[in-house]
Protein backbone atom coordinates (compact mmCIF):
# COMPACT_ATOMS: atom_id res chain seq x y z
CA MET A 1 11.00 160.02 165.65
CA ASN A 2 11.54 163.26 167.54
CA ASP A 3 11.44 165.36 164.36
CA MET A 4 7.82 164.50 163.67
CA ARG A 5 5.40 167.37 163.80
CA ILE A 6 1.99 165.78 164.17
CA VAL A 7 -0.70 167.78 162.43
CA GLU A 8 -3.92 167.67 164.46
CA ARG A 9 -6.92 169.37 162.92
CA ASP A 10 -10.69 169.12 163.11
CA VAL A 11 -11.02 166.04 160.92
CA ASP A 12 -14.35 164.86 162.27
CA GLN A 13 -16.28 167.75 160.74
CA ASN A 14 -15.58 166.41 157.25
CA GLY A 15 -17.93 163.97 155.57
CA THR A 16 -16.91 160.67 154.01
CA LYS A 17 -15.86 161.04 150.38
CA ILE A 18 -14.84 157.48 149.51
CA THR A 19 -16.05 154.26 151.10
CA ALA A 20 -14.26 150.96 150.46
CA ARG A 21 -15.54 147.61 151.69
CA GLY A 22 -14.03 144.17 151.25
CA VAL A 23 -11.58 145.29 148.57
CA GLN A 24 -9.39 142.49 147.19
CA VAL A 25 -6.78 142.90 144.46
CA TYR A 26 -5.16 140.05 142.56
CA TYR A 27 -2.29 140.16 140.06
CA SER A 28 -2.82 136.83 138.28
CA ASP A 29 -2.56 134.36 141.20
CA THR A 30 -0.96 136.81 143.63
CA HIS A 31 -3.36 138.12 146.27
CA ALA A 32 -1.92 141.64 146.66
CA LEU A 33 -4.62 143.34 148.75
CA LYS A 34 -6.86 141.56 151.24
CA ASP A 35 -10.20 142.69 152.60
CA VAL A 36 -9.63 146.44 152.84
CA ASP A 37 -12.37 148.46 154.58
CA VAL A 38 -11.83 152.22 154.87
CA ASP A 39 -13.70 155.54 154.83
CA ILE A 40 -11.71 158.42 153.33
CA LEU A 41 -12.86 161.86 154.42
CA ASP A 42 -13.45 164.92 152.28
CA LYS A 43 -11.28 168.05 152.66
CA THR A 44 -8.69 165.97 154.51
CA VAL A 45 -5.20 164.65 153.77
CA THR A 46 -5.05 160.88 154.26
CA ALA A 47 -1.61 159.23 154.25
CA PHE A 48 -1.01 155.58 153.31
CA ILE A 49 2.16 154.26 154.96
CA GLY A 50 3.84 150.87 155.16
CA PRO A 51 6.82 148.86 153.88
CA SER A 52 7.55 148.43 150.17
CA GLY A 53 5.18 145.97 148.55
CA CYS A 54 2.58 146.24 151.32
CA GLY A 55 -0.29 147.22 149.01
CA LYS A 56 -0.58 150.96 149.64
CA SER A 57 0.06 152.04 146.02
CA THR A 58 -2.09 149.16 144.74
CA PHE A 59 -5.00 150.43 146.83
CA LEU A 60 -4.38 154.04 145.75
CA ARG A 61 -4.68 152.95 142.10
CA CYS A 62 -8.02 151.29 142.88
CA LEU A 63 -9.47 154.72 143.72
CA ASN A 64 -9.29 155.97 140.11
CA ARG A 65 -9.34 152.58 138.40
CA MET A 66 -5.74 152.84 137.22
CA ASN A 67 -5.51 149.10 137.86
CA ASP A 68 -7.90 148.66 134.90
CA THR A 69 -4.89 149.33 132.67
CA ILE A 70 -3.05 146.22 133.98
CA PRO A 71 -4.37 143.12 132.13
CA ILE A 72 -3.47 140.63 134.89
CA CYS A 73 -5.06 142.74 137.65
CA ARG A 74 -8.46 141.92 139.14
CA VAL A 75 -10.27 144.09 141.71
CA GLU A 76 -13.11 142.76 143.87
CA GLY A 77 -15.21 144.36 146.58
CA MET A 78 -16.91 147.76 146.64
CA ILE A 79 -15.55 151.29 146.33
CA LYS A 80 -18.04 154.15 146.35
CA MET A 81 -17.45 157.88 145.88
CA ASP A 82 -20.30 160.06 147.15
CA GLY A 83 -22.38 156.86 147.34
CA GLU A 84 -21.78 155.88 143.70
CA ASP A 85 -20.02 152.60 142.89
CA ILE A 86 -16.99 153.66 140.83
CA TYR A 87 -16.67 150.12 139.41
CA ASP A 88 -20.24 150.09 138.09
CA ALA A 89 -20.37 149.20 134.38
CA LYS A 90 -21.96 152.57 133.55
CA VAL A 91 -19.06 154.55 135.04
CA ASP A 92 -16.59 155.77 132.40
CA PRO A 93 -13.04 155.38 133.82
CA VAL A 94 -11.86 158.39 131.78
CA GLN A 95 -14.53 160.61 133.32
CA LEU A 96 -13.77 159.14 136.74
CA ARG A 97 -10.12 160.13 136.36
CA ALA A 98 -11.18 163.72 135.69
CA ARG A 99 -12.89 163.62 139.11
CA VAL A 100 -10.04 161.74 140.79
CA GLY A 101 -6.76 163.36 139.73
CA MET A 102 -3.39 161.68 140.18
CA VAL A 103 0.18 162.86 140.69
CA PHE A 104 2.91 160.26 140.27
CA GLN A 105 6.22 159.56 141.97
CA LYS A 106 8.37 160.93 139.17
CA PRO A 107 7.37 164.28 137.65
CA ASN A 108 6.01 163.44 134.19
CA PRO A 109 5.12 166.64 132.32
CA PHE A 110 3.97 166.16 128.74
CA PRO A 111 6.48 167.15 126.02
CA LYS A 112 4.43 170.30 125.47
CA SER A 113 4.49 173.90 126.66
CA ILE A 114 3.73 174.77 130.27
CA TYR A 115 0.40 176.20 129.08
CA GLU A 116 -0.53 173.09 127.08
CA ASN A 117 0.35 170.79 129.99
CA VAL A 118 -2.29 172.44 132.14
CA ALA A 119 -4.80 173.05 129.32
CA TYR A 120 -4.75 169.43 128.13
CA GLY A 121 -7.28 167.99 130.61
CA PRO A 122 -9.88 170.77 130.36
CA LYS A 123 -9.66 170.58 126.55
CA ILE A 124 -10.14 166.81 126.22
CA HIS A 125 -12.97 166.83 128.77
CA GLY A 126 -14.70 169.78 127.08
CA LEU A 127 -14.65 171.94 130.19
CA THR A 128 -14.18 175.26 128.35
CA ASN A 129 -15.96 177.07 125.56
CA SER A 130 -13.38 179.72 124.73
CA ARG A 131 -9.70 180.56 124.83
CA ALA A 132 -10.42 183.14 127.54
CA GLU A 133 -11.98 180.46 129.76
CA LEU A 134 -9.02 178.17 129.11
CA ASP A 135 -6.59 180.98 129.96
CA GLU A 136 -8.46 181.46 133.23
CA ILE A 137 -8.29 177.75 134.14
CA VAL A 138 -4.58 177.58 133.31
CA GLU A 139 -3.80 180.61 135.46
CA SER A 140 -5.96 179.49 138.40
CA SER A 141 -4.51 175.96 138.28
CA LEU A 142 -0.94 177.26 138.24
CA ARG A 143 -1.82 179.58 141.12
CA ARG A 144 -3.29 176.65 143.08
CA ALA A 145 -0.02 174.79 142.47
CA ALA A 146 2.01 177.81 143.68
CA LEU A 147 3.75 178.00 140.31
CA TRP A 148 2.13 180.96 138.52
CA ASN A 149 4.60 183.63 139.60
CA GLU A 150 7.54 181.48 138.50
CA VAL A 151 6.23 180.65 135.01
CA LYS A 152 3.72 183.35 134.00
CA ASP A 153 6.22 184.97 131.60
CA ARG A 154 7.19 181.72 129.89
CA LEU A 155 3.98 179.76 129.43
CA ASP A 156 5.05 178.79 125.89
CA SER A 157 8.30 177.21 127.16
CA PRO A 158 8.45 173.41 127.44
CA GLY A 159 7.31 171.97 130.76
CA THR A 160 10.25 169.58 130.64
CA GLY A 161 12.61 172.57 130.97
CA LEU A 162 11.52 173.28 134.54
CA SER A 163 13.39 172.09 137.65
CA GLY A 164 12.27 168.82 139.28
CA GLY A 165 10.25 170.57 141.97
CA GLN A 166 8.64 172.90 139.44
CA GLN A 167 7.81 169.95 137.18
CA GLN A 168 6.03 168.21 140.05
CA ARG A 169 4.05 171.36 140.83
CA LEU A 170 3.21 171.59 137.11
CA CYS A 171 1.89 168.02 137.32
CA ILE A 172 -0.20 169.06 140.33
CA ALA A 173 -1.53 172.05 138.33
CA ARG A 174 -2.36 169.65 135.48
CA ALA A 175 -4.18 167.33 137.92
CA VAL A 176 -6.29 170.11 139.48
CA ALA A 177 -7.15 171.75 136.13
CA THR A 178 -10.12 169.40 135.60
CA SER A 179 -11.52 170.48 139.01
CA PRO A 180 -11.27 167.02 140.57
CA GLU A 181 -12.93 166.14 143.85
CA VAL A 182 -10.13 163.84 144.98
CA LEU A 183 -6.37 164.17 144.42
CA LEU A 184 -4.23 161.03 144.63
CA MET A 185 -0.47 161.39 145.12
CA ASP A 186 1.84 158.38 144.83
CA GLU A 187 5.05 159.35 146.65
CA PRO A 188 5.03 162.81 145.05
CA CYS A 189 8.22 163.97 146.77
CA SER A 190 10.46 160.91 146.50
CA ALA A 191 12.34 162.33 143.48
CA LEU A 192 12.65 165.85 144.93
CA ASP A 193 15.26 167.64 147.01
CA PRO A 194 14.39 168.83 150.56
CA ILE A 195 13.49 172.40 149.49
CA ALA A 196 11.17 171.23 146.70
CA THR A 197 9.71 168.63 149.08
CA ALA A 198 8.89 171.35 151.62
CA GLN A 199 7.18 173.41 148.88
CA VAL A 200 5.05 170.45 147.77
CA GLU A 201 4.16 169.57 151.37
CA GLU A 202 3.02 173.16 151.98
CA LEU A 203 0.99 172.95 148.80
CA ILE A 204 -0.66 169.68 149.90
CA ASP A 205 -1.78 171.38 153.11
CA GLU A 206 -3.35 174.22 151.08
CA LEU A 207 -5.04 171.87 148.58
CA ARG A 208 -6.98 170.00 151.26
CA SER A 209 -9.28 173.00 151.65
CA GLN A 210 -10.57 172.17 148.16
CA PHE A 211 -10.04 168.42 147.74
CA SER A 212 -9.85 165.11 149.50
CA VAL A 213 -6.10 164.37 149.20
CA VAL A 214 -4.71 160.84 149.51
CA ILE A 215 -0.93 160.48 149.61
CA VAL A 216 1.22 157.36 149.55
CA THR A 217 4.54 158.02 151.26
CA HIS A 218 7.54 156.03 152.46
CA SER A 219 8.36 158.86 154.85
CA MET A 220 6.65 158.62 158.20
CA GLN A 221 7.86 162.14 158.97
CA GLN A 222 6.06 163.37 155.86
CA ALA A 223 2.87 161.53 156.82
CA ALA A 224 3.05 163.13 160.26
CA ARG A 225 3.62 166.59 158.78
CA VAL A 226 0.94 166.68 156.08
CA SER A 227 -1.89 164.30 156.99
CA GLN A 228 -4.82 164.36 159.36
CA ARG A 229 -5.55 160.64 158.97
CA THR A 230 -3.14 157.77 158.40
CA ALA A 231 -3.64 154.19 157.17
CA PHE A 232 -0.93 151.61 157.85
CA PHE A 233 -0.67 148.75 155.35
CA HIS A 234 1.34 145.57 155.92
CA MET A 235 1.56 142.46 153.72
CA GLY A 236 -1.61 143.31 151.80
CA HIS A 237 -3.70 144.11 154.87
CA LEU A 238 -4.93 147.48 156.11
CA VAL A 239 -3.71 146.99 159.67
CA GLU A 240 -4.79 150.25 161.26
CA TYR A 241 -6.48 153.50 160.26
CA GLY A 242 -7.19 156.57 162.34
CA GLU A 243 -6.21 160.11 163.22
CA THR A 244 -2.55 160.70 162.44
CA GLY A 245 -1.68 161.75 165.99
CA GLN A 246 -3.20 158.57 167.41
CA ILE A 247 -1.52 156.29 164.84
CA PHE A 248 1.92 157.74 165.60
CA THR A 249 1.66 158.13 169.37
CA THR A 250 -0.70 155.38 170.58
CA PRO A 251 -1.05 152.77 167.82
CA ARG A 252 -3.51 150.01 168.68
CA ASP A 253 -1.86 147.21 166.69
CA PRO A 254 1.61 145.91 167.61
CA ARG A 255 2.52 145.72 163.90
CA THR A 256 1.89 149.48 163.56
CA GLU A 257 4.06 150.18 166.58
CA SER A 258 6.83 147.92 165.19
CA TYR A 259 6.80 149.79 161.89
CA ILE A 260 6.76 153.25 163.43
CA THR A 261 9.61 152.41 165.81
CA GLY A 262 11.64 150.90 162.95
CA ARG A 263 11.48 147.24 163.98
CA ILE A 264 9.77 146.18 160.74
CA GLY A 265 9.84 147.67 157.25
């Protein structure tokens, strides 16, 4: 893994944003996630790595209650954001998802204009009182997603007409438009070419100044490049979690070392 560029930054100055304790996930009789305990820091990029089917995406979807949409799925344990239990009966999952944005593996812009893609969330959540305010949010979100200069003269064009990398940055703009506190990314670069991947990785590094970013990735090189903390999942267990440099250079668990050196996975 000589091409890894480990990103070491002052992670310990950031407070805990999300706390998970004893999290179990079942799909019918299948025990997919077992006893996960983790503290996810604010203003930090946290990478989830591990083989296919290890539970990393399942756990990511617990953080904004996307698993609620799967009838056979059951989540147990405790997940708190800023000390509030996100699975409490009084928490509205729709409102939670405005606070915990998500970007998926495959770019999925709405079949609407570029403008309407970004404006959709703020409109349905009632975050603006005027067209001028909405214009401002759309522009600032597209700027945050490093897309404004490329699309500012064609905001009425369909979002589906953009290139793959631009579509994914549009989806990032759409996710940040509701001013979330946490941004979840489920393999956001797996459908992109190397140039678009580099652009999105650069963007992720910029976004962590404003959000807690959690990224699921199959690429260990990507985890090493963009994250400050890394969690290694294997067969439904969170095996090891720590600073990215430590996980990749001096892992404490032999299963982590086997995965990183390519012996398992």
